[in-house]
Amino acid sequence: MTLWIALIATAAGCYLLKYAGLAAPRRLLDDPWLRRFATAVPLALLAALIAVQALGDGQALVWDTARMAGVGAALLALVLRAPFLVVVVAAAGTTAALRALGVG
């Protein structure tokens, strides 16, 4: 039952957050500080997600050479402006190749 309460509370919170964004006055949305903040928050969240997925193993931080090489390959592909599918294949291929060689 606790799971359902948490699920309903989360859904209600998401709905209210969405409504707050739609109900915000225009002068608030035109504030330059808020625009910079709204641009930076998704980047920070994505960077945190990448760091947790790349360095996390349960409750510990670990250095996995194969995984980090995959992140590096993805970064290189992004710098070279490769399509998203190529970025994913480069990261997965690099990680898989290094694991097949016994690295990481």
N, C-alpha and C. Protein backbone atom coordinates (compact mmCIF):
# COMPACT_ATOMS: atom_id res chain seq x y z
N MET A 1 0.83 -1.20 0.00
CA MET A 1 0.00 0.00 0.00
C MET A 1 0.87 1.26 0.00
N THR A 2 2.01 1.20 0.68
CA THR A 2 2.90 2.36 0.74
C THR A 2 3.41 2.73 -0.65
N LEU A 3 3.64 1.73 -1.49
CA LEU A 3 4.09 1.99 -2.85
C LEU A 3 3.05 2.80 -3.62
N TRP A 4 1.78 2.47 -3.47
CA TRP A 4 0.73 3.19 -4.18
C TRP A 4 0.61 4.63 -3.67
N ILE A 5 0.78 4.82 -2.39
CA ILE A 5 0.73 6.19 -1.84
C ILE A 5 1.88 7.01 -2.42
N ALA A 6 3.07 6.42 -2.47
CA ALA A 6 4.23 7.12 -3.04
C ALA A 6 4.01 7.41 -4.52
N LEU A 7 3.45 6.46 -5.24
CA LEU A 7 3.19 6.64 -6.67
C LEU A 7 2.17 7.75 -6.91
N ILE A 8 1.10 7.76 -6.16
CA ILE A 8 0.07 8.80 -6.32
C ILE A 8 0.62 10.16 -5.91
N ALA A 9 1.41 10.20 -4.83
CA ALA A 9 1.99 11.48 -4.40
C ALA A 9 2.97 12.01 -5.44
N THR A 10 3.76 11.14 -6.04
CA THR A 10 4.70 11.56 -7.07
C THR A 10 3.96 12.07 -8.30
N ALA A 11 2.92 11.36 -8.71
CA ALA A 11 2.12 11.80 -9.87
C ALA A 11 1.47 13.15 -9.60
N ALA A 12 0.94 13.33 -8.41
CA ALA A 12 0.32 14.62 -8.07
C ALA A 12 1.37 15.73 -8.05
N GLY A 13 2.54 15.43 -7.50
CA GLY A 13 3.61 16.44 -7.48
C GLY A 13 4.04 16.82 -8.88
N CYS A 14 4.17 15.85 -9.78
CA CYS A 14 4.54 16.15 -11.17
C CYS A 14 3.47 17.00 -11.85
N TYR A 15 2.21 16.66 -11.62
CA TYR A 15 1.12 17.44 -12.21
C TYR A 15 1.14 18.87 -11.69
N LEU A 16 1.31 19.04 -10.39
CA LEU A 16 1.33 20.39 -9.82
C LEU A 16 2.53 21.19 -10.30
N LEU A 17 3.67 20.52 -10.47
CA LEU A 17 4.85 21.21 -11.00
C LEU A 17 4.61 21.67 -12.44
N LYS A 18 4.00 20.81 -13.24
CA LYS A 18 3.66 21.17 -14.62
C LYS A 18 2.68 22.33 -14.63
N TYR A 19 1.67 22.30 -13.77
CA TYR A 19 0.69 23.38 -13.69
C TYR A 19 1.35 24.68 -13.25
N ALA A 20 2.29 24.60 -12.32
CA ALA A 20 2.97 25.81 -11.85
C ALA A 20 3.74 26.46 -13.00
N GLY A 21 4.33 25.64 -13.87
CA GLY A 21 5.03 26.20 -15.02
C GLY A 21 4.09 26.87 -16.01
N LEU A 22 2.91 26.29 -16.18
CA LEU A 22 1.94 26.88 -17.11
C LEU A 22 1.27 28.11 -16.52
N ALA A 23 1.15 28.17 -15.20
CA ALA A 23 0.46 29.28 -14.55
C ALA A 23 1.40 30.43 -14.19
N ALA A 24 2.70 30.28 -14.44
CA ALA A 24 3.66 31.33 -14.08
C ALA A 24 3.42 32.58 -14.92
N PRO A 25 3.51 33.74 -14.29
CA PRO A 25 3.32 34.98 -15.06
C PRO A 25 4.43 35.19 -16.08
N ARG A 26 4.11 35.82 -17.17
CA ARG A 26 5.05 36.03 -18.28
C ARG A 26 6.30 36.82 -17.83
N ARG A 27 6.11 37.81 -16.96
CA ARG A 27 7.26 38.61 -16.52
C ARG A 27 8.27 37.77 -15.76
N LEU A 28 7.79 36.74 -15.06
CA LEU A 28 8.69 35.84 -14.35
C LEU A 28 9.48 34.99 -15.35
N LEU A 29 8.84 34.53 -16.40
CA LEU A 29 9.50 33.69 -17.39
C LEU A 29 10.49 34.47 -18.25
N ASP A 30 10.33 35.77 -18.34
CA ASP A 30 11.24 36.59 -19.14
C ASP A 30 12.47 37.04 -18.37
N ASP A 31 12.58 36.70 -17.10
CA ASP A 31 13.72 37.07 -16.29
C ASP A 31 14.98 36.36 -16.81
N PRO A 32 16.06 37.11 -17.12
CA PRO A 32 17.28 36.50 -17.67
C PRO A 32 17.90 35.45 -16.74
N TRP A 33 17.86 35.69 -15.42
CA TRP A 33 18.42 34.72 -14.49
C TRP A 33 17.67 33.40 -14.57
N LEU A 34 16.35 33.48 -14.63
CA LEU A 34 15.54 32.27 -14.70
C LEU A 34 15.77 31.53 -16.02
N ARG A 35 15.98 32.26 -17.09
CA ARG A 35 16.28 31.61 -18.37
C ARG A 35 17.61 30.86 -18.31
N ARG A 36 18.63 31.48 -17.72
CA ARG A 36 19.93 30.80 -17.57
C ARG A 36 19.79 29.57 -16.69
N PHE A 37 19.03 29.70 -15.61
CA PHE A 37 18.80 28.59 -14.70
C PHE A 37 18.08 27.44 -15.41
N ALA A 38 17.06 27.78 -16.17
CA ALA A 38 16.29 26.75 -16.89
C ALA A 38 17.13 26.08 -17.97
N THR A 39 18.11 26.78 -18.49
CA THR A 39 19.01 26.18 -19.48
C THR A 39 20.05 25.28 -18.80
N ALA A 40 20.51 25.67 -17.62
CA ALA A 40 21.58 24.93 -16.95
C ALA A 40 21.10 23.69 -16.22
N VAL A 41 19.89 23.69 -15.70
CA VAL A 41 19.42 22.57 -14.90
C VAL A 41 19.38 21.25 -15.68
N PRO A 42 18.82 21.20 -16.88
CA PRO A 42 18.84 19.92 -17.60
C PRO A 42 20.26 19.43 -17.90
N LEU A 43 21.17 20.34 -18.18
CA LEU A 43 22.56 19.94 -18.42
C LEU A 43 23.19 19.34 -17.17
N ALA A 44 22.94 19.96 -16.03
CA ALA A 44 23.48 19.44 -14.77
C ALA A 44 22.88 18.08 -14.43
N LEU A 45 21.59 17.93 -14.65
CA LEU A 45 20.95 16.64 -14.36
C LEU A 45 21.47 15.54 -15.28
N LEU A 46 21.66 15.86 -16.55
CA LEU A 46 22.19 14.88 -17.49
C LEU A 46 23.63 14.50 -17.13
N ALA A 47 24.43 15.49 -16.76
CA ALA A 47 25.81 15.21 -16.35
C ALA A 47 25.84 14.32 -15.11
N ALA A 48 24.97 14.58 -14.15
CA ALA A 48 24.90 13.76 -12.95
C ALA A 48 24.46 12.34 -13.28
N LEU A 49 23.51 12.20 -14.17
CA LEU A 49 23.05 10.87 -14.58
C LEU A 49 24.16 10.09 -15.26
N ILE A 50 24.91 10.75 -16.13
CA ILE A 50 26.03 10.10 -16.80
C ILE A 50 27.09 9.68 -15.78
N ALA A 51 27.40 10.55 -14.84
CA ALA A 51 28.41 10.22 -13.83
C ALA A 51 27.98 9.04 -12.98
N VAL A 52 26.72 9.01 -12.56
CA VAL A 52 26.24 7.90 -11.73
C VAL A 52 26.27 6.59 -12.51
N GLN A 53 25.85 6.63 -13.78
CA GLN A 53 25.82 5.41 -14.57
C GLN A 53 27.23 4.94 -14.95
N ALA A 54 28.13 5.88 -15.15
CA ALA A 54 29.49 5.52 -15.57
C ALA A 54 30.36 5.08 -14.40
N LEU A 55 30.16 5.66 -13.24
CA LEU A 55 31.05 5.39 -12.11
C LEU A 55 30.39 4.63 -10.97
N GLY A 56 29.09 4.44 -11.04
CA GLY A 56 28.39 3.80 -9.94
C GLY A 56 28.28 2.31 -10.09
N ASP A 57 28.37 1.63 -8.94
CA ASP A 57 28.16 0.18 -8.88
C ASP A 57 27.47 -0.09 -7.55
N GLY A 58 26.15 -0.06 -7.57
CA GLY A 58 25.41 -0.19 -6.31
C GLY A 58 25.55 1.07 -5.49
N GLN A 59 26.11 0.92 -4.30
CA GLN A 59 26.29 2.06 -3.40
C GLN A 59 27.72 2.60 -3.43
N ALA A 60 28.56 2.07 -4.31
CA ALA A 60 29.97 2.47 -4.33
C ALA A 60 30.33 3.12 -5.67
N LEU A 61 31.39 3.90 -5.64
CA LEU A 61 31.96 4.45 -6.86
C LEU A 61 33.13 3.56 -7.28
N VAL A 62 33.15 3.17 -8.53
CA VAL A 62 34.21 2.30 -9.03
C VAL A 62 34.73 2.86 -10.35
N TRP A 63 35.99 2.56 -10.62
CA TRP A 63 36.59 2.94 -11.91
C TRP A 63 36.61 1.69 -12.77
N ASP A 64 35.82 1.69 -13.82
CA ASP A 64 35.77 0.59 -14.77
C ASP A 64 36.38 1.11 -16.07
N THR A 65 37.57 0.63 -16.38
CA THR A 65 38.30 1.14 -17.54
C THR A 65 37.53 0.96 -18.83
N ALA A 66 36.90 -0.19 -19.02
CA ALA A 66 36.15 -0.44 -20.25
C ALA A 66 34.96 0.52 -20.36
N ARG A 67 34.26 0.71 -19.24
CA ARG A 67 33.11 1.61 -19.25
C ARG A 67 33.53 3.05 -19.52
N MET A 68 34.63 3.47 -18.90
CA MET A 68 35.09 4.84 -19.11
C MET A 68 35.60 5.04 -20.54
N ALA A 69 36.20 4.01 -21.13
CA ALA A 69 36.60 4.11 -22.53
C ALA A 69 35.38 4.25 -23.43
N GLY A 70 34.29 3.56 -23.08
CA GLY A 70 33.05 3.71 -23.82
C GLY A 70 32.49 5.13 -23.71
N VAL A 71 32.56 5.71 -22.53
CA VAL A 71 32.13 7.10 -22.35
C VAL A 71 33.02 8.03 -23.18
N GLY A 72 34.32 7.75 -23.19
CA GLY A 72 35.24 8.56 -24.00
C GLY A 72 34.95 8.44 -25.48
N ALA A 73 34.63 7.22 -25.94
CA ALA A 73 34.29 7.04 -27.35
C ALA A 73 33.01 7.79 -27.70
N ALA A 74 32.04 7.76 -26.79
CA ALA A 74 30.80 8.50 -27.02
C ALA A 74 31.07 10.01 -27.07
N LEU A 75 31.92 10.47 -26.17
CA LEU A 75 32.27 11.89 -26.16
C LEU A 75 32.96 12.30 -27.45
N LEU A 76 33.87 11.47 -27.92
CA LEU A 76 34.55 11.76 -29.18
C LEU A 76 33.56 11.79 -30.34
N ALA A 77 32.65 10.84 -30.37
CA ALA A 77 31.64 10.82 -31.43
C ALA A 77 30.75 12.06 -31.37
N LEU A 78 30.43 12.51 -30.16
CA LEU A 78 29.62 13.73 -30.02
C LEU A 78 30.38 14.96 -30.50
N VAL A 79 31.67 15.03 -30.16
CA VAL A 79 32.49 16.15 -30.60
C VAL A 79 32.58 16.19 -32.13
N LEU A 80 32.61 15.00 -32.73
CA LEU A 80 32.66 14.93 -34.20
C LEU A 80 31.28 15.07 -34.85
N ARG A 81 30.27 15.35 -34.03
CA ARG A 81 28.89 15.58 -34.48
C ARG A 81 28.29 14.36 -35.18
N ALA A 82 28.56 13.19 -34.64
CA ALA A 82 28.00 11.96 -35.19
C ALA A 82 26.52 11.86 -34.80
N PRO A 83 25.73 11.15 -35.59
CA PRO A 83 24.32 10.93 -35.22
C PRO A 83 24.23 10.13 -33.92
N PHE A 84 23.10 10.24 -33.25
CA PHE A 84 22.94 9.62 -31.94
C PHE A 84 23.17 8.11 -31.98
N LEU A 85 22.67 7.45 -33.01
CA LEU A 85 22.85 6.00 -33.12
C LEU A 85 24.33 5.64 -33.22
N VAL A 86 25.10 6.43 -33.94
CA VAL A 86 26.54 6.19 -34.05
C VAL A 86 27.22 6.39 -32.70
N VAL A 87 26.78 7.37 -31.94
CA VAL A 87 27.34 7.62 -30.60
C VAL A 87 27.11 6.40 -29.71
N VAL A 88 25.88 5.89 -29.72
CA VAL A 88 25.55 4.74 -28.88
C VAL A 88 26.34 3.51 -29.31
N VAL A 89 26.41 3.26 -30.62
CA VAL A 89 27.14 2.09 -31.13
C VAL A 89 28.64 2.21 -30.82
N ALA A 90 29.18 3.40 -30.94
CA ALA A 90 30.61 3.60 -30.63
C ALA A 90 30.89 3.31 -29.16
N ALA A 91 30.04 3.81 -28.28
CA ALA A 91 30.24 3.57 -26.85
C ALA A 91 30.08 2.09 -26.51
N ALA A 92 29.02 1.48 -27.01
CA ALA A 92 28.78 0.06 -26.70
C ALA A 92 29.86 -0.82 -27.33
N GLY A 93 30.24 -0.51 -28.55
CA GLY A 93 31.27 -1.31 -29.23
C GLY A 93 32.61 -1.22 -28.55
N THR A 94 32.99 -0.02 -28.13
CA THR A 94 34.26 0.16 -27.43
C THR A 94 34.27 -0.59 -26.11
N THR A 95 33.18 -0.47 -25.35
CA THR A 95 33.10 -1.16 -24.08
C THR A 95 33.12 -2.68 -24.28
N ALA A 96 32.35 -3.16 -25.25
CA ALA A 96 32.28 -4.61 -25.48
C ALA A 96 33.62 -5.16 -25.96
N ALA A 97 34.29 -4.41 -26.83
CA ALA A 97 35.59 -4.88 -27.35
C ALA A 97 36.61 -4.95 -26.20
N LEU A 98 36.63 -3.96 -25.35
CA LEU A 98 37.59 -3.98 -24.23
C LEU A 98 37.27 -5.09 -23.23
N ARG A 99 35.99 -5.33 -23.00
CA ARG A 99 35.62 -6.42 -22.10
C ARG A 99 35.99 -7.77 -22.71
N ALA A 100 35.83 -7.90 -24.03
CA ALA A 100 36.22 -9.15 -24.70
C ALA A 100 37.73 -9.39 -24.61
N LEU A 101 38.48 -8.30 -24.55
CA LEU A 101 39.94 -8.42 -24.41
C LEU A 101 40.36 -8.59 -22.94
N GLY A 102 39.40 -8.53 -22.04
CA GLY A 102 39.71 -8.73 -20.62
C GLY A 102 40.04 -7.48 -19.87
N VAL A 103 39.79 -6.32 -20.45
CA VAL A 103 40.04 -5.05 -19.77
C VAL A 103 38.78 -4.66 -19.00
N GLY A 104 38.96 -4.22 -17.77
CA GLY A 104 37.82 -3.76 -17.00
C GLY A 104 37.14 -4.88 -16.37
